[in-house]
Amino acid sequence: MGTGNALTLAELSTLPVDRLVGVGPKKLDGLRSAGITSLLDLLMHYPLRYIDRTREATIDSLAVGDEGMVLVTIQRVDVRRTRQRRALVNVKVTDGSGAMDLTFFNQPWREKQLREGMQAVVFGKMDTYRGRRQMANPVVDLVGDKTGRIVPVY
């Protein structure tokens, strides 16, 4: 194969992706469903876009429609059931510049994850609902996760 350790693109197209360490049957099924069967397919699978989570914003600095990452302190967590018996978790947060609600649809486990007084980094699109600032189903990073990174979206 190739000269030395270098592989050609033609050779990469013949090597199955399950030759990689950590690619077992479950991951192989997921890769196949995305059309990835060879190492070349994997190398040529580019993200649709990137989310820039390196720039921290404040609640008041985000306009409606802006995506942003905000370090918040959780003030209150409420859970209720919708008419369809799904969980609706509403979290009131602040960052010193302002306040907003985080609304999580059908994610009842958020009640246990997010506690009053806890700090978290949230990333989402700013919106308003009934006159209050809100992020619906934002990504939540407990400090240290993927905070401050540029994250690919496939």
N, C-alpha and C. Protein backbone atom coordinates (compact mmCIF):
# COMPACT_ATOMS: atom_id res chain seq x y z
N MET A 1 0.82 -1.19 0.00
CA MET A 1 0.00 0.00 0.00
C MET A 1 0.86 1.24 0.00
N GLY A 2 0.78 2.03 -1.04
CA GLY A 2 1.47 3.30 -1.09
C GLY A 2 2.96 3.17 -0.90
N THR A 3 3.61 4.31 -0.80
CA THR A 3 5.05 4.34 -0.56
C THR A 3 5.29 4.69 0.89
N GLY A 4 6.03 3.86 1.59
CA GLY A 4 6.27 4.11 3.01
C GLY A 4 4.98 3.98 3.79
N ASN A 5 4.67 4.97 4.63
CA ASN A 5 3.44 4.96 5.42
C ASN A 5 2.31 5.74 4.78
N ALA A 6 2.59 6.47 3.71
CA ALA A 6 1.56 7.29 3.07
C ALA A 6 0.60 6.42 2.28
N LEU A 7 -0.69 6.76 2.36
CA LEU A 7 -1.71 6.05 1.61
C LEU A 7 -2.27 6.98 0.54
N THR A 8 -2.60 6.41 -0.61
CA THR A 8 -3.23 7.20 -1.65
C THR A 8 -4.72 7.29 -1.38
N LEU A 9 -5.39 8.22 -2.06
CA LEU A 9 -6.83 8.34 -1.90
C LEU A 9 -7.54 7.06 -2.36
N ALA A 10 -7.03 6.44 -3.41
CA ALA A 10 -7.63 5.19 -3.89
C ALA A 10 -7.52 4.11 -2.82
N GLU A 11 -6.40 4.06 -2.13
CA GLU A 11 -6.22 3.05 -1.08
C GLU A 11 -7.15 3.35 0.12
N LEU A 12 -7.28 4.63 0.47
CA LEU A 12 -8.17 5.00 1.57
C LEU A 12 -9.62 4.64 1.26
N SER A 13 -9.98 4.68 -0.03
CA SER A 13 -11.36 4.36 -0.41
C SER A 13 -11.66 2.86 -0.30
N THR A 14 -10.61 2.04 -0.20
CA THR A 14 -10.82 0.59 -0.08
C THR A 14 -10.73 0.11 1.36
N LEU A 15 -10.26 0.96 2.26
CA LEU A 15 -10.12 0.56 3.66
C LEU A 15 -11.43 0.80 4.40
N PRO A 16 -12.04 -0.23 4.98
CA PRO A 16 -13.30 -0.06 5.70
C PRO A 16 -13.09 0.76 6.98
N VAL A 17 -14.10 1.55 7.31
CA VAL A 17 -14.01 2.44 8.45
C VAL A 17 -13.90 1.68 9.77
N ASP A 18 -14.36 0.42 9.81
CA ASP A 18 -14.29 -0.34 11.06
C ASP A 18 -12.88 -0.82 11.39
N ARG A 19 -11.91 -0.45 10.54
CA ARG A 19 -10.50 -0.74 10.87
C ARG A 19 -9.98 0.23 11.94
N LEU A 20 -10.69 1.30 12.16
CA LEU A 20 -10.28 2.28 13.17
C LEU A 20 -10.58 1.75 14.56
N VAL A 21 -9.67 2.03 15.48
CA VAL A 21 -9.88 1.65 16.87
C VAL A 21 -11.08 2.42 17.41
N GLY A 22 -11.97 1.73 18.08
CA GLY A 22 -13.14 2.37 18.67
C GLY A 22 -14.38 2.33 17.80
N VAL A 23 -14.26 1.83 16.59
CA VAL A 23 -15.43 1.70 15.72
C VAL A 23 -15.92 0.27 15.81
N GLY A 24 -16.92 0.07 16.66
CA GLY A 24 -17.54 -1.23 16.84
C GLY A 24 -18.82 -1.32 16.03
N PRO A 25 -19.59 -2.38 16.24
CA PRO A 25 -20.82 -2.58 15.46
C PRO A 25 -21.82 -1.43 15.56
N LYS A 26 -22.00 -0.88 16.75
CA LYS A 26 -22.98 0.20 16.93
C LYS A 26 -22.54 1.47 16.19
N LYS A 27 -21.28 1.85 16.37
CA LYS A 27 -20.78 3.05 15.70
C LYS A 27 -20.73 2.83 14.19
N LEU A 28 -20.41 1.62 13.78
CA LEU A 28 -20.37 1.29 12.35
C LEU A 28 -21.74 1.48 11.71
N ASP A 29 -22.80 1.06 12.40
CA ASP A 29 -24.16 1.25 11.89
C ASP A 29 -24.47 2.74 11.71
N GLY A 30 -24.08 3.54 12.69
CA GLY A 30 -24.31 4.99 12.61
C GLY A 30 -23.56 5.62 11.45
N LEU A 31 -22.31 5.21 11.28
CA LEU A 31 -21.51 5.75 10.18
C LEU A 31 -22.10 5.33 8.83
N ARG A 32 -22.51 4.09 8.73
CA ARG A 32 -23.12 3.61 7.48
C ARG A 32 -24.40 4.38 7.15
N SER A 33 -25.19 4.69 8.18
CA SER A 33 -26.43 5.43 7.92
C SER A 33 -26.14 6.84 7.40
N ALA A 34 -24.95 7.35 7.66
CA ALA A 34 -24.53 8.65 7.14
C ALA A 34 -23.78 8.51 5.82
N GLY A 35 -23.73 7.27 5.29
CA GLY A 35 -23.06 7.03 4.00
C GLY A 35 -21.56 6.90 4.11
N ILE A 36 -21.06 6.62 5.31
CA ILE A 36 -19.61 6.51 5.53
C ILE A 36 -19.26 5.04 5.69
N THR A 37 -18.53 4.50 4.70
CA THR A 37 -18.13 3.09 4.76
C THR A 37 -16.62 2.92 4.69
N SER A 38 -15.91 3.90 4.13
CA SER A 38 -14.46 3.78 4.00
C SER A 38 -13.78 4.92 4.75
N LEU A 39 -12.46 4.79 4.92
CA LEU A 39 -11.70 5.86 5.56
C LEU A 39 -11.75 7.14 4.73
N LEU A 40 -11.79 7.00 3.41
CA LEU A 40 -11.89 8.19 2.56
C LEU A 40 -13.23 8.88 2.78
N ASP A 41 -14.31 8.11 2.88
CA ASP A 41 -15.62 8.70 3.17
C ASP A 41 -15.57 9.51 4.45
N LEU A 42 -14.93 8.96 5.48
CA LEU A 42 -14.83 9.64 6.76
C LEU A 42 -14.04 10.94 6.64
N LEU A 43 -12.93 10.90 5.92
CA LEU A 43 -12.11 12.10 5.74
C LEU A 43 -12.82 13.18 4.93
N MET A 44 -13.71 12.77 4.04
CA MET A 44 -14.40 13.73 3.16
C MET A 44 -15.76 14.15 3.71
N HIS A 45 -16.10 13.74 4.94
CA HIS A 45 -17.38 14.11 5.55
C HIS A 45 -17.20 15.42 6.31
N TYR A 46 -17.58 16.53 5.65
CA TYR A 46 -17.37 17.85 6.23
C TYR A 46 -18.61 18.34 6.99
N PRO A 47 -18.41 19.15 8.01
CA PRO A 47 -19.56 19.70 8.75
C PRO A 47 -20.40 20.61 7.87
N LEU A 48 -21.70 20.69 8.19
CA LEU A 48 -22.60 21.61 7.49
C LEU A 48 -22.29 23.04 7.87
N ARG A 49 -21.96 23.24 9.15
CA ARG A 49 -21.61 24.56 9.66
C ARG A 49 -20.87 24.37 10.98
N TYR A 50 -20.38 25.48 11.52
CA TYR A 50 -19.70 25.48 12.81
C TYR A 50 -20.42 26.42 13.75
N ILE A 51 -20.45 26.06 15.02
CA ILE A 51 -21.00 26.94 16.04
C ILE A 51 -19.81 27.48 16.83
N ASP A 52 -19.69 28.80 16.86
CA ASP A 52 -18.59 29.44 17.57
C ASP A 52 -18.99 29.65 19.02
N ARG A 53 -18.45 28.79 19.89
CA ARG A 53 -18.75 28.90 21.31
C ARG A 53 -17.56 29.45 22.06
N THR A 54 -16.75 30.27 21.38
CA THR A 54 -15.58 30.85 22.03
C THR A 54 -15.85 32.25 22.56
N ARG A 55 -16.87 32.91 22.02
CA ARG A 55 -17.14 34.28 22.42
C ARG A 55 -18.30 34.32 23.41
N GLU A 56 -17.98 34.68 24.62
CA GLU A 56 -19.01 34.77 25.65
C GLU A 56 -19.80 36.07 25.49
N ALA A 57 -21.09 35.96 25.66
CA ALA A 57 -21.96 37.13 25.57
C ALA A 57 -22.64 37.33 26.92
N THR A 58 -23.41 38.39 27.01
CA THR A 58 -24.26 38.59 28.19
C THR A 58 -25.71 38.54 27.73
N ILE A 59 -26.60 38.29 28.65
CA ILE A 59 -28.01 38.20 28.31
C ILE A 59 -28.47 39.49 27.63
N ASP A 60 -28.13 40.63 28.20
CA ASP A 60 -28.58 41.90 27.63
C ASP A 60 -27.92 42.24 26.30
N SER A 61 -26.76 41.65 25.99
CA SER A 61 -26.09 41.98 24.74
C SER A 61 -26.64 41.19 23.55
N LEU A 62 -27.40 40.13 23.80
CA LEU A 62 -27.94 39.32 22.72
C LEU A 62 -29.27 39.88 22.24
N ALA A 63 -29.36 40.14 20.96
CA ALA A 63 -30.62 40.59 20.36
C ALA A 63 -31.44 39.36 19.99
N VAL A 64 -32.73 39.52 19.85
CA VAL A 64 -33.58 38.42 19.43
C VAL A 64 -33.07 37.89 18.09
N GLY A 65 -32.90 36.58 18.02
CA GLY A 65 -32.38 35.95 16.81
C GLY A 65 -30.88 35.66 16.86
N ASP A 66 -30.16 36.30 17.79
CA ASP A 66 -28.73 36.05 17.93
C ASP A 66 -28.48 34.73 18.65
N GLU A 67 -27.44 34.01 18.21
CA GLU A 67 -26.97 32.84 18.96
C GLU A 67 -25.85 33.31 19.87
N GLY A 68 -25.79 32.79 21.06
CA GLY A 68 -24.73 33.20 21.95
C GLY A 68 -24.50 32.23 23.09
N MET A 69 -23.35 32.37 23.69
CA MET A 69 -22.95 31.56 24.84
C MET A 69 -22.92 32.48 26.05
N VAL A 70 -23.65 32.09 27.10
CA VAL A 70 -23.77 32.94 28.28
C VAL A 70 -23.51 32.10 29.53
N LEU A 71 -22.67 32.63 30.41
CA LEU A 71 -22.45 32.01 31.71
C LEU A 71 -23.54 32.53 32.64
N VAL A 72 -24.37 31.61 33.15
CA VAL A 72 -25.54 32.01 33.94
C VAL A 72 -25.53 31.34 35.30
N THR A 73 -26.28 31.95 36.21
CA THR A 73 -26.55 31.36 37.51
C THR A 73 -28.03 31.00 37.54
N ILE A 74 -28.32 29.78 37.96
CA ILE A 74 -29.68 29.29 37.98
C ILE A 74 -30.38 29.80 39.22
N GLN A 75 -31.53 30.43 39.00
CA GLN A 75 -32.31 30.99 40.11
C GLN A 75 -33.44 30.06 40.54
N ARG A 76 -34.12 29.46 39.55
CA ARG A 76 -35.28 28.64 39.87
C ARG A 76 -35.54 27.63 38.77
N VAL A 77 -35.98 26.43 39.15
CA VAL A 77 -36.31 25.37 38.20
C VAL A 77 -37.73 24.91 38.47
N ASP A 78 -38.58 24.97 37.45
CA ASP A 78 -39.97 24.52 37.56
C ASP A 78 -40.24 23.47 36.49
N VAL A 79 -41.05 22.47 36.84
CA VAL A 79 -41.43 21.42 35.90
C VAL A 79 -42.95 21.30 35.90
N ARG A 80 -43.50 21.16 34.71
CA ARG A 80 -44.92 20.88 34.60
C ARG A 80 -45.15 19.96 33.41
N ARG A 81 -46.33 19.41 33.34
CA ARG A 81 -46.71 18.52 32.24
C ARG A 81 -47.60 19.28 31.25
N THR A 82 -47.37 19.05 29.97
CA THR A 82 -48.22 19.65 28.94
C THR A 82 -49.48 18.82 28.80
N ARG A 83 -50.39 19.26 27.98
CA ARG A 83 -51.62 18.50 27.74
C ARG A 83 -51.34 17.13 27.15
N GLN A 84 -50.23 17.02 26.43
CA GLN A 84 -49.84 15.73 25.84
C GLN A 84 -49.02 14.89 26.81
N ARG A 85 -49.00 15.29 28.08
CA ARG A 85 -48.30 14.56 29.15
C ARG A 85 -46.78 14.59 28.99
N ARG A 86 -46.25 15.57 28.27
CA ARG A 86 -44.80 15.71 28.12
C ARG A 86 -44.28 16.70 29.16
N ALA A 87 -43.02 16.51 29.53
CA ALA A 87 -42.41 17.39 30.53
C ALA A 87 -42.02 18.72 29.89
N LEU A 88 -42.26 19.79 30.61
CA LEU A 88 -41.82 21.13 30.22
C LEU A 88 -41.05 21.68 31.41
N VAL A 89 -39.74 21.84 31.24
CA VAL A 89 -38.88 22.35 32.31
C VAL A 89 -38.56 23.81 31.99
N ASN A 90 -38.88 24.71 32.92
CA ASN A 90 -38.60 26.13 32.77
C ASN A 90 -37.59 26.52 33.84
N VAL A 91 -36.46 27.10 33.39
CA VAL A 91 -35.38 27.47 34.30
C VAL A 91 -35.16 28.97 34.20
N LYS A 92 -35.27 29.66 35.32
CA LYS A 92 -35.01 31.10 35.36
C LYS A 92 -33.54 31.29 35.72
N VAL A 93 -32.84 32.10 34.88
CA VAL A 93 -31.41 32.31 35.07
C VAL A 93 -31.08 33.80 34.99
N THR A 94 -29.90 34.15 35.50
CA THR A 94 -29.40 35.51 35.41
C THR A 94 -27.89 35.46 35.21
N ASP A 95 -27.35 36.57 34.69
CA ASP A 95 -25.90 36.66 34.58
C ASP A 95 -25.39 38.00 35.10
N GLY A 96 -26.22 38.74 35.77
CA GLY A 96 -25.82 40.06 36.29
C GLY A 96 -26.24 41.18 35.36
N SER A 97 -26.29 40.91 34.04
CA SER A 97 -26.69 41.95 33.10
C SER A 97 -28.19 41.90 32.84
N GLY A 98 -28.79 40.74 33.09
CA GLY A 98 -30.20 40.58 32.82
C GLY A 98 -30.65 39.18 33.22
N ALA A 99 -31.91 38.91 32.92
CA ALA A 99 -32.48 37.60 33.26
C ALA A 99 -33.15 37.03 32.02
N MET A 100 -33.28 35.71 32.00
CA MET A 100 -34.01 35.04 30.92
C MET A 100 -34.49 33.69 31.40
N ASP A 101 -35.35 33.09 30.59
CA ASP A 101 -35.85 31.74 30.85
C ASP A 101 -35.18 30.78 29.89
N LEU A 102 -34.89 29.60 30.38
CA LEU A 102 -34.47 28.49 29.55
C LEU A 102 -35.64 27.52 29.55
N THR A 103 -36.14 27.16 28.40
CA THR A 103 -37.27 26.26 28.31
C THR A 103 -36.83 24.98 27.62
N PHE A 104 -37.06 23.85 28.30
CA PHE A 104 -36.68 22.55 27.77
C PHE A 104 -37.94 21.72 27.56
N PHE A 105 -38.17 21.32 26.32
CA PHE A 105 -39.34 20.52 25.98
C PHE A 105 -38.97 19.04 25.99
N ASN A 106 -39.74 18.25 26.71
CA ASN A 106 -39.58 16.79 26.77
C ASN A 106 -38.18 16.36 27.23
N GLN A 107 -37.62 17.09 28.18
CA GLN A 107 -36.31 16.76 28.76
C GLN A 107 -36.44 16.80 30.29
N PRO A 108 -37.20 15.89 30.87
CA PRO A 108 -37.45 15.95 32.31
C PRO A 108 -36.20 15.83 33.16
N TRP A 109 -35.15 15.21 32.63
CA TRP A 109 -33.91 15.03 33.38
C TRP A 109 -33.21 16.36 33.66
N ARG A 110 -33.59 17.44 32.96
CA ARG A 110 -32.97 18.75 33.21
C ARG A 110 -33.27 19.23 34.64
N GLU A 111 -34.39 18.80 35.21
CA GLU A 111 -34.74 19.20 36.57
C GLU A 111 -33.67 18.74 37.56
N LYS A 112 -33.14 17.54 37.34
CA LYS A 112 -32.10 17.02 38.24
C LYS A 112 -30.73 17.58 37.89
N GLN A 113 -30.48 17.88 36.62
CA GLN A 113 -29.18 18.38 36.19
C GLN A 113 -28.95 19.82 36.66
N LEU A 114 -29.98 20.64 36.58
CA LEU A 114 -29.85 22.07 36.86
C LEU A 114 -30.47 22.40 38.21
N ARG A 115 -29.66 22.89 39.12
CA ARG A 115 -30.09 23.20 40.49
C ARG A 115 -29.93 24.68 40.79
N GLU A 116 -30.76 25.18 41.66
CA GLU A 116 -30.67 26.58 42.08
C GLU A 116 -29.28 26.89 42.61
N GLY A 117 -28.74 28.04 42.21
CA GLY A 117 -27.42 28.47 42.66
C GLY A 117 -26.28 27.95 41.80
N MET A 118 -26.53 26.95 40.98
CA MET A 118 -25.50 26.36 40.12
C MET A 118 -25.18 27.31 38.96
N GLN A 119 -23.92 27.30 38.53
CA GLN A 119 -23.54 28.04 37.34
C GLN A 119 -23.42 27.08 36.17
N ALA A 120 -23.82 27.54 35.00
CA ALA A 120 -23.73 26.73 33.79
C ALA A 120 -23.52 27.66 32.60
N VAL A 121 -23.00 27.11 31.55
CA VAL A 121 -22.85 27.85 30.31
C VAL A 121 -23.94 27.34 29.38
N VAL A 122 -24.74 28.27 28.85
CA VAL A 122 -25.80 27.88 27.92
C VAL A 122 -25.51 28.49 26.56
N PHE A 123 -25.85 27.74 25.53
CA PHE A 123 -25.66 28.22 24.17
C PHE A 123 -26.94 28.00 23.40
N GLY A 124 -27.47 29.06 22.85
CA GLY A 124 -28.70 28.94 22.07
C GLY A 124 -29.05 30.25 21.39
N LYS A 125 -30.25 30.24 20.80
CA LYS A 125 -30.74 31.42 20.09
C LYS A 125 -31.67 32.20 21.00
N MET A 126 -31.40 33.49 21.12
CA MET A 126 -32.22 34.36 21.96
C MET A 126 -33.57 34.60 21.28
N ASP A 127 -34.61 34.49 22.07
CA ASP A 127 -35.97 34.72 21.59
C ASP A 127 -36.74 35.40 22.71
N THR A 128 -38.00 35.72 22.47
CA THR A 128 -38.85 36.22 23.54
C THR A 128 -40.14 35.41 23.55
N TYR A 129 -40.70 35.25 24.75
CA TYR A 129 -41.97 34.57 24.91
C TYR A 129 -42.71 35.26 26.04
N ARG A 130 -43.88 35.76 25.73
CA ARG A 130 -44.69 36.51 26.70
C ARG A 130 -43.91 37.66 27.34
N GLY A 131 -43.14 38.34 26.51
CA GLY A 131 -42.40 39.53 26.97
C GLY A 131 -41.11 39.26 27.70
N ARG A 132 -40.74 37.99 27.89
CA ARG A 132 -39.48 37.66 28.59
C ARG A 132 -38.48 37.08 27.62
N ARG A 133 -37.21 37.36 27.87
CA ARG A 133 -36.14 36.76 27.06
C ARG A 133 -36.12 35.27 27.33
N GLN A 134 -35.84 34.49 26.28
CA GLN A 134 -35.87 33.03 26.42
C GLN A 134 -34.94 32.36 25.42
N MET A 135 -34.39 31.22 25.83
CA MET A 135 -33.72 30.29 24.93
C MET A 135 -34.47 28.97 25.06
N ALA A 136 -34.94 28.43 23.95
CA ALA A 136 -35.64 27.16 23.97
C ALA A 136 -34.66 26.04 23.62
N ASN A 137 -34.64 25.01 24.45
CA ASN A 137 -33.76 23.85 24.29
C ASN A 137 -32.30 24.23 24.00
N PRO A 138 -31.71 25.13 24.80
CA PRO A 138 -30.31 25.48 24.56
C PRO A 138 -29.39 24.31 24.93
N VAL A 139 -28.19 24.35 24.39
CA VAL A 139 -27.15 23.41 24.79
C VAL A 139 -26.66 23.88 26.15
N VAL A 140 -26.51 22.96 27.08
CA VAL A 140 -26.05 23.30 28.42
C VAL A 140 -24.71 22.61 28.65
N ASP A 141 -23.71 23.40 28.99
CA ASP A 141 -22.40 22.86 29.34
C ASP A 141 -22.18 23.13 30.81
N LEU A 142 -21.97 22.07 31.55
CA LEU A 142 -21.54 22.29 32.91
C LEU A 142 -20.10 22.73 32.75
N VAL A 143 -19.70 23.78 33.39
CA VAL A 143 -18.44 24.45 33.12
C VAL A 143 -17.31 23.46 32.90
N GLY A 144 -16.63 23.62 31.73
CA GLY A 144 -15.51 22.77 31.39
C GLY A 144 -15.78 21.82 30.25
N ASP A 145 -17.06 21.54 29.91
CA ASP A 145 -17.38 20.61 28.83
C ASP A 145 -16.81 21.08 27.49
N LYS A 146 -17.66 21.66 26.66
CA LYS A 146 -17.23 22.14 25.35
C LYS A 146 -17.20 23.65 25.32
N THR A 147 -17.15 24.25 26.48
CA THR A 147 -17.13 25.70 26.59
C THR A 147 -15.87 26.24 25.93
N GLY A 148 -16.03 27.31 25.17
CA GLY A 148 -14.88 27.96 24.57
C GLY A 148 -14.29 27.20 23.40
N ARG A 149 -15.13 26.47 22.67
CA ARG A 149 -14.65 25.73 21.50
C ARG A 149 -15.49 26.06 20.29
N ILE A 150 -14.92 25.81 19.12
CA ILE A 150 -15.69 25.90 17.89
C ILE A 150 -16.14 24.47 17.60
N VAL A 151 -17.46 24.26 17.56
CA VAL A 151 -18.03 22.92 17.49
C VAL A 151 -18.62 22.67 16.11
N PRO A 152 -18.24 21.57 15.44
CA PRO A 152 -18.82 21.27 14.12
C PRO A 152 -20.22 20.71 14.25
N VAL A 153 -21.08 21.05 13.27
CA VAL A 153 -22.42 20.51 13.21
C VAL A 153 -22.51 19.71 11.93
N TYR A 154 -22.78 18.41 12.03
CA TYR A 154 -22.85 17.55 10.85
C TYR A 154 -24.27 17.33 10.44
